[in-house]
Amino acid sequence: MSILKGKRIVLGVTGSIACYRALDVASKLTQEEALVDVVLTESAAKFLYPLTFRSLTHRSVVTDLFDPDSEYSEHHVRLAEAADLVLIVPATANTIAKLAAGIADDMLGCTVLATEAPVLIAPAMDYRMWRNTITQDNVAKMRERGFSFVGPVYGRLASGAFGEGRLADVDTIIGAARQALGRNGDLAGRRIVVSAGGTQEPLDPARYIGNYSSGKMGYSIAEAARDRGAGVTLVVGPTALPDPAGIAMVKVRTTVEMRDAVASAVTNADALIMAAAPADYRPAARSEQKMKRHGEDIVVHLVENPDILAEVNGPFVKVGFAAESQDLLQNAREKLRRKKLDLIVANDITASDAG
């Protein structure tokens, strides 16, 4: 079940040109069955109509602290009391300055000051405004007070310039919201290392030996652990997946690199979940130049790669995966015993994607 299901999220939207992306945030939160109450600042309402958000969330939208038609007009801290998370997307430099100074002259400011829920802020502004020492001092002050930030990121800005000031991707913002909601979960204080994806063993500068692993299973496990409050390190081979928010990423290419990264990451870890599919063999020699056709077959000598699960040991829970095309349970039990695992997941790769 999604950690977002049934959660009350106050989505504050301020007057940045990036505010149109808050529509996507509201939509995705609602699709995961969160209860989203949108607060539009006066400047944000000049970019977007409340009806648009109401159509996406199926809930009322607050635009005015003193709106007599609002269900929150008699008690303007009701939103703050009910919130599980306050999420501001996007946050302008002006919004950050007001919040850092404790100014509550609108509904959003009142909600932030009155809530006991975590507050997550996604800034978006011109890169010069973001890097200004005043803005950075305000952000540092807010971090010290327990506010969390996601982004901004480097990219093309509305002005046409490029710099760090672009709103973080919507999926990254949703991931950060999940992390904020799960920070006091049942895995809070635990450190979990997860591996994901396949590895690539180079034949020459253009070719490699690999497998079909997408990395999706390992990513999902890492995100689930994050959502329950764990500190997660994800050791990952080459994939097409975006980096998940709130997870320490260690990117590798070969099985030897993955072995070394996992061995380093498990220091003081509580669990290792080895969902990756590292290549069992690698070429004995790598050609320094691209191998050309010569009209005849070639023979590639393969040597065995390190067995990461067998080599890495310590006072942590060790979980492995068995991707098998035959004798599924027998092979999984043997792997469980031989590699001294605490738990193994048996996957029948003839029936589904091994991930």
Protein backbone atom coordinates (compact mmCIF):
# COMPACT_ATOMS: atom_id res chain seq x y z
CA MET A 1 0.00 0.00 0.00
CA SER A 2 1.27 3.47 -0.86
CA ILE A 3 2.40 5.55 2.08
CA LEU A 4 0.44 8.41 0.49
CA LYS A 5 -2.92 6.67 0.77
CA GLY A 6 -5.24 8.58 3.11
CA LYS A 7 -2.61 11.16 4.06
CA ARG A 8 -3.69 14.80 4.37
CA ILE A 9 -1.32 16.91 2.32
CA VAL A 10 -1.48 20.68 2.14
CA LEU A 11 -0.08 21.72 -1.24
CA GLY A 12 1.02 25.34 -1.16
CA VAL A 13 1.43 26.95 -4.57
CA THR A 14 3.20 30.30 -4.94
CA GLY A 15 3.62 32.74 -7.81
CA SER A 16 6.49 31.28 -9.80
CA ILE A 17 6.20 30.64 -13.53
CA ALA A 18 6.88 26.99 -12.59
CA CYS A 19 3.59 26.79 -10.68
CA TYR A 20 1.88 24.99 -13.58
CA ARG A 21 3.88 21.89 -12.59
CA ALA A 22 2.08 21.89 -9.25
CA LEU A 23 -0.93 20.64 -11.22
CA ASP A 24 0.96 17.44 -12.01
CA VAL A 25 2.00 17.11 -8.37
CA ALA A 26 -1.61 17.50 -7.22
CA SER A 27 -2.79 14.98 -9.79
CA LYS A 28 -0.22 12.32 -8.91
CA LEU A 29 -0.78 12.70 -5.17
CA THR A 30 -4.51 12.32 -5.71
CA GLN A 31 -4.01 9.26 -7.92
CA GLU A 32 -2.20 7.63 -4.99
CA GLU A 33 -5.25 8.41 -2.83
CA ALA A 34 -3.77 11.26 -0.81
CA LEU A 35 -6.20 13.94 0.36
CA VAL A 36 -4.80 17.11 -1.17
CA ASP A 37 -5.85 20.56 0.07
CA VAL A 38 -4.44 23.26 -2.18
CA VAL A 39 -3.53 26.72 -0.91
CA LEU A 40 -2.96 29.27 -3.67
CA THR A 41 -1.19 32.49 -2.78
CA GLU A 42 -2.53 35.68 -4.32
CA SER A 43 0.23 35.75 -6.92
CA ALA A 44 -0.21 32.05 -7.77
CA ALA A 45 -3.91 32.66 -8.43
CA LYS A 46 -2.88 35.04 -11.22
CA PHE A 47 -1.25 32.11 -13.03
CA LEU A 48 -3.71 29.31 -12.26
CA TYR A 49 -7.41 29.18 -11.50
CA PRO A 50 -8.60 27.41 -8.32
CA LEU A 51 -11.08 25.42 -10.42
CA THR A 52 -8.21 23.63 -12.15
CA PHE A 53 -6.89 22.26 -8.87
CA ARG A 54 -10.40 21.52 -7.61
CA SER A 55 -11.03 19.42 -10.72
CA LEU A 56 -7.87 17.39 -10.06
CA THR A 57 -8.15 16.92 -6.29
CA HIS A 58 -11.95 16.96 -5.90
CA ARG A 59 -11.45 19.11 -2.82
CA SER A 60 -11.85 22.80 -2.03
CA VAL A 61 -9.04 25.23 -2.80
CA VAL A 62 -8.07 28.02 -0.40
CA THR A 63 -7.04 31.37 -1.85
CA ASP A 64 -7.91 33.90 0.86
CA LEU A 65 -7.31 33.85 4.60
CA PHE A 66 -10.59 35.69 5.11
CA ASP A 67 -12.76 34.05 2.45
CA PRO A 68 -16.26 33.83 4.02
CA ASP A 69 -17.17 30.95 1.71
CA SER A 70 -14.18 28.83 2.73
CA GLU A 71 -14.67 25.95 5.15
CA TYR A 72 -11.46 27.13 6.86
CA SER A 73 -12.43 30.78 7.34
CA GLU A 74 -13.62 30.45 10.94
CA HIS A 75 -10.54 28.59 12.09
CA HIS A 76 -7.63 29.25 9.76
CA VAL A 77 -5.29 26.77 11.48
CA ARG A 78 -7.61 23.84 10.77
CA LEU A 79 -5.56 22.92 7.72
CA ALA A 80 -2.40 22.96 9.81
CA GLU A 81 -3.92 20.76 12.49
CA ALA A 82 -5.12 18.14 10.01
CA ALA A 83 -2.02 18.04 7.80
CA ASP A 84 0.32 15.06 7.64
CA LEU A 85 2.61 17.06 5.36
CA VAL A 86 2.85 20.61 4.07
CA LEU A 87 4.37 20.65 0.59
CA ILE A 88 5.18 23.95 -1.14
CA VAL A 89 5.54 23.62 -4.91
CA PRO A 90 7.01 25.87 -6.15
CA ALA A 91 8.50 28.15 -3.52
CA THR A 92 9.72 31.56 -4.66
CA ALA A 93 12.59 33.49 -3.09
CA ASN A 94 9.98 35.81 -1.55
CA THR A 95 8.13 32.87 0.02
CA ILE A 96 11.34 31.47 1.49
CA ALA A 97 12.28 34.89 2.89
CA LYS A 98 8.87 35.32 4.55
CA LEU A 99 8.87 31.85 6.06
CA ALA A 100 12.42 32.25 7.34
CA ALA A 101 11.34 35.48 9.03
CA GLY A 102 8.22 33.86 10.48
CA ILE A 103 5.84 36.13 8.55
CA ALA A 104 2.27 34.79 8.36
CA ASP A 105 0.33 37.32 6.30
CA ASP A 106 -1.54 34.80 4.14
CA MET A 107 -3.11 31.36 4.44
CA LEU A 108 0.06 29.55 3.45
CA GLY A 109 2.19 31.36 6.02
CA CYS A 110 -0.38 30.72 8.76
CA THR A 111 -0.51 27.05 7.87
CA VAL A 112 3.26 26.61 7.94
CA LEU A 113 3.64 28.39 11.28
CA ALA A 114 0.77 26.51 12.89
CA THR A 115 1.48 22.97 11.69
CA GLU A 116 3.35 20.28 13.56
CA ALA A 117 3.65 18.23 10.36
CA PRO A 118 6.86 18.11 8.32
CA VAL A 119 7.25 20.93 5.80
CA LEU A 120 8.85 20.16 2.44
CA ILE A 121 9.81 22.99 0.11
CA ALA A 122 10.56 22.79 -3.64
CA PRO A 123 12.16 26.10 -4.68
CA ALA A 124 12.05 27.55 -8.19
CA MET A 125 13.58 30.88 -9.16
CA ASP A 126 16.26 32.60 -11.21
CA TYR A 127 19.65 31.06 -10.50
CA ARG A 128 21.04 34.41 -9.34
CA MET A 129 18.25 34.70 -6.79
CA TRP A 130 18.86 31.16 -5.56
CA ARG A 131 22.60 31.59 -5.10
CA ASN A 132 22.24 35.02 -3.46
CA THR A 133 23.68 34.91 0.04
CA ILE A 134 20.41 36.21 1.50
CA THR A 135 18.46 33.29 0.01
CA GLN A 136 21.13 30.80 1.07
CA ASP A 137 21.14 32.21 4.62
CA ASN A 138 17.35 31.88 4.74
CA VAL A 139 17.51 28.29 3.51
CA ALA A 140 20.20 27.40 6.05
CA LYS A 141 18.12 28.97 8.82
CA MET A 142 15.06 26.99 7.76
CA ARG A 143 16.99 23.72 7.56
CA GLU A 144 18.17 24.28 11.13
CA ARG A 145 14.52 24.66 12.14
CA GLY A 146 13.56 21.33 10.57
CA PHE A 147 12.32 22.36 7.13
CA SER A 148 13.27 20.06 4.25
CA PHE A 149 14.12 21.07 0.69
CA VAL A 150 14.00 19.23 -2.63
CA GLY A 151 15.87 20.99 -5.44
CA PRO A 152 16.26 23.27 -7.20
CA VAL A 153 18.17 21.63 -10.03
CA TYR A 154 20.30 22.84 -12.89
CA GLY A 155 18.47 23.46 -16.15
CA ARG A 156 16.88 25.94 -18.51
CA LEU A 157 14.95 28.67 -16.71
CA ALA A 158 11.99 30.76 -17.85
CA SER A 159 14.34 33.63 -18.68
CA GLY A 160 16.17 31.41 -21.15
CA ALA A 161 19.24 31.27 -18.96
CA PHE A 162 20.70 28.03 -17.60
CA GLY A 163 21.50 27.55 -13.95
CA GLU A 164 20.52 26.02 -10.63
CA GLY A 165 17.04 27.32 -10.02
CA ARG A 166 14.78 24.99 -11.96
CA LEU A 167 12.02 23.18 -10.07
CA ALA A 168 12.88 19.55 -9.31
CA ASP A 169 11.19 16.88 -11.40
CA VAL A 170 7.69 15.99 -10.26
CA ASP A 171 8.63 12.37 -9.51
CA THR A 172 11.55 13.59 -7.39
CA ILE A 173 9.20 15.85 -5.45
CA ILE A 174 6.75 12.98 -4.90
CA GLY A 175 9.63 10.79 -3.73
CA ALA A 176 10.76 13.46 -1.27
CA ALA A 177 7.19 13.71 0.01
CA ARG A 178 7.15 9.96 0.60
CA GLN A 179 10.43 10.22 2.50
CA ALA A 180 9.11 13.05 4.66
CA LEU A 181 5.95 11.12 5.52
CA GLY A 182 7.91 7.98 6.40
CA ARG A 183 10.69 9.55 8.43
CA ASN A 184 9.31 8.17 11.70
CA GLY A 185 8.37 4.79 10.25
CA ASP A 186 9.18 1.38 11.69
CA LEU A 187 12.60 1.36 9.99
CA ALA A 188 13.66 4.79 11.29
CA GLY A 189 17.28 4.71 12.38
CA ARG A 190 18.07 1.61 10.33
CA ARG A 191 20.63 1.54 7.51
CA ILE A 192 19.81 -0.65 4.53
CA VAL A 193 21.97 -1.34 1.50
CA VAL A 194 20.20 -2.45 -1.68
CA SER A 195 21.77 -3.46 -4.98
CA ALA A 196 19.93 -3.22 -8.27
CA GLY A 197 20.32 -3.72 -11.99
CA GLY A 198 22.71 -5.77 -14.04
CA THR A 199 26.41 -5.21 -14.61
CA GLN A 200 28.30 -4.76 -17.86
CA GLU A 201 31.56 -6.61 -18.53
CA PRO A 202 33.45 -4.91 -21.39
CA LEU A 203 34.61 -6.87 -24.42
CA ASP A 204 36.00 -3.80 -26.18
CA PRO A 205 35.24 -0.04 -26.11
CA ALA A 206 31.90 -0.64 -27.91
CA ARG A 207 30.58 -3.97 -26.56
CA TYR A 208 29.93 -5.71 -23.29
CA ILE A 209 28.46 -8.86 -21.77
CA GLY A 210 25.32 -8.15 -19.75
CA ASN A 211 21.80 -9.38 -19.01
CA TYR A 212 18.18 -8.25 -19.17
CA SER A 213 17.90 -6.86 -15.62
CA SER A 214 16.06 -3.52 -15.57
CA GLY A 215 16.81 -2.65 -11.93
CA LYS A 216 13.11 -2.02 -11.21
CA MET A 217 12.88 -4.54 -8.37
CA GLY A 218 15.87 -3.15 -6.48
CA TYR A 219 14.66 0.42 -6.93
CA SER A 220 11.21 -0.51 -5.61
CA ILE A 221 12.74 -2.20 -2.56
CA ALA A 222 14.97 0.80 -1.87
CA GLU A 223 12.04 3.20 -2.15
CA ALA A 224 9.89 1.04 0.14
CA ALA A 225 12.63 1.03 2.78
CA ARG A 226 12.99 4.80 2.44
CA ASP A 227 9.24 5.24 2.85
CA ARG A 228 9.45 3.37 6.16
CA GLY A 229 12.13 5.67 7.52
CA ALA A 230 15.34 3.79 6.73
CA GLY A 231 18.52 5.39 5.53
CA VAL A 232 19.09 3.68 2.19
CA THR A 233 22.13 3.26 -0.03
CA LEU A 234 21.42 1.94 -3.52
CA VAL A 235 24.34 0.34 -5.35
CA VAL A 236 23.26 0.17 -8.96
CA GLY A 237 24.56 -0.97 -12.29
CA PRO A 238 23.69 0.81 -15.54
CA THR A 239 19.92 1.38 -15.81
CA ALA A 240 17.51 3.74 -17.57
CA LEU A 241 15.75 4.58 -14.29
CA PRO A 242 15.85 8.06 -12.71
CA ASP A 243 17.55 8.44 -9.34
CA PRO A 244 14.99 8.12 -6.52
CA ALA A 245 14.75 10.99 -4.05
CA GLY A 246 16.23 10.65 -0.59
CA ILE A 247 18.43 7.65 -1.40
CA ALA A 248 22.23 7.63 -1.51
CA MET A 249 23.25 6.43 -4.97
CA VAL A 250 26.44 4.52 -5.77
CA LYS A 251 26.73 3.83 -9.49
CA VAL A 252 28.95 1.07 -10.82
CA ARG A 253 29.45 -0.74 -14.10
CA THR A 254 31.17 -4.09 -13.54
CA THR A 255 30.66 -6.89 -11.03
CA VAL A 256 34.04 -6.18 -9.41
CA GLU A 257 33.04 -2.53 -8.97
CA MET A 258 29.71 -3.62 -7.46
CA ARG A 259 31.48 -6.02 -5.07
CA ASP A 260 33.77 -3.24 -3.85
CA ALA A 261 30.91 -0.72 -3.53
CA VAL A 262 28.71 -3.13 -1.59
CA ALA A 263 31.58 -4.09 0.74
CA SER A 264 32.13 -0.40 1.50
CA ALA A 265 28.44 0.44 1.88
CA VAL A 266 27.58 -2.33 4.37
CA THR A 267 29.78 -0.85 7.09
CA ASN A 268 27.38 -0.36 10.03
CA ALA A 269 24.44 -1.52 7.88
CA ASP A 270 21.48 -3.38 9.37
CA ALA A 271 20.61 -5.23 6.17
CA LEU A 272 21.92 -5.99 2.70
CA ILE A 273 19.29 -6.78 0.07
CA MET A 274 21.10 -8.01 -3.03
CA ALA A 275 18.47 -7.54 -5.74
CA ALA A 276 21.04 -6.87 -8.47
CA ALA A 277 21.88 -9.36 -11.21
CA PRO A 278 25.67 -9.07 -11.54
CA ALA A 279 27.26 -10.97 -14.39
CA ASP A 280 28.71 -14.31 -13.29
CA TYR A 281 31.50 -14.16 -15.88
CA ARG A 282 33.66 -11.55 -17.58
CA PRO A 283 36.05 -11.66 -20.54
CA ALA A 284 39.54 -12.69 -19.47
CA ALA A 285 40.94 -9.90 -21.64
CA ARG A 286 39.43 -6.65 -22.88
CA SER A 287 40.37 -5.45 -26.34
CA GLU A 288 41.61 -1.86 -26.24
CA GLN A 289 40.31 -1.30 -29.77
CA LYS A 290 36.94 -2.14 -31.30
CA MET A 291 36.94 -5.72 -32.53
CA LYS A 292 36.44 -5.80 -36.32
CA ARG A 293 34.83 -8.47 -38.46
CA HIS A 294 37.31 -10.83 -40.10
CA GLY A 295 34.90 -13.26 -41.76
CA GLU A 296 35.44 -15.97 -39.17
CA ASP A 297 34.20 -16.95 -35.73
CA ILE A 298 35.95 -15.74 -32.61
CA VAL A 299 36.28 -17.39 -29.21
CA VAL A 300 35.97 -15.30 -26.07
CA HIS A 301 37.58 -16.75 -22.96
CA LEU A 302 35.45 -16.00 -19.88
CA VAL A 303 36.58 -16.07 -16.27
CA GLU A 304 34.39 -16.24 -13.18
CA ASN A 305 33.45 -13.01 -11.43
CA PRO A 306 33.49 -12.58 -7.65
CA ASP A 307 30.46 -13.99 -5.81
CA ILE A 308 29.36 -10.84 -4.00
CA LEU A 309 26.83 -12.42 -1.65
CA ALA A 310 29.25 -15.17 -0.65
CA GLU A 311 32.13 -12.76 -0.06
CA VAL A 312 30.34 -9.97 1.82
CA ASN A 313 29.59 -10.89 5.42
CA GLY A 314 28.91 -9.06 8.65
CA PRO A 315 26.45 -8.60 11.53
CA PHE A 316 23.59 -7.64 9.22
CA VAL A 317 20.59 -9.36 7.68
CA LYS A 318 21.60 -10.70 4.29
CA VAL A 319 18.92 -11.19 1.64
CA GLY A 320 19.50 -12.74 -1.77
CA PHE A 321 17.54 -13.43 -4.93
CA ALA A 322 17.45 -16.57 -7.03
CA ALA A 323 16.44 -16.00 -10.65
CA GLU A 324 15.93 -19.49 -12.02
CA SER A 325 14.65 -21.07 -15.23
CA GLN A 326 14.39 -24.58 -13.77
CA ASP A 327 14.15 -26.35 -10.37
CA LEU A 328 13.21 -23.04 -8.78
CA LEU A 329 12.76 -24.07 -5.14
CA GLN A 330 15.62 -26.56 -5.09
CA ASN A 331 18.09 -24.06 -6.55
CA ALA A 332 16.86 -21.29 -4.24
CA ARG A 333 17.26 -23.48 -1.14
CA GLU A 334 20.77 -24.45 -2.21
CA LYS A 335 21.71 -20.81 -2.75
CA LEU A 336 20.25 -19.90 0.64
CA ARG A 337 22.45 -22.50 2.32
CA ARG A 338 25.61 -22.03 0.28
CA LYS A 339 25.74 -18.24 0.62
CA LYS A 340 24.62 -18.25 4.27
CA LEU A 341 21.63 -16.00 3.66
CA ASP A 342 18.95 -15.08 6.15
CA LEU A 343 16.30 -14.86 3.44
CA ILE A 344 16.02 -15.57 -0.26
CA VAL A 345 13.47 -14.55 -2.90
CA ALA A 346 12.90 -17.16 -5.60
CA ASN A 347 12.01 -15.75 -9.04
CA ASP A 348 10.84 -17.93 -11.92
CA ILE A 349 12.28 -16.07 -14.89
CA THR A 350 10.34 -18.19 -17.36
CA ALA A 351 7.08 -16.67 -16.08
CA SER A 352 7.91 -12.97 -15.68
CA ASP A 353 10.53 -10.28 -16.00
CA ALA A 354 13.29 -10.96 -13.48
CA GLY A 355 13.61 -7.19 -12.94
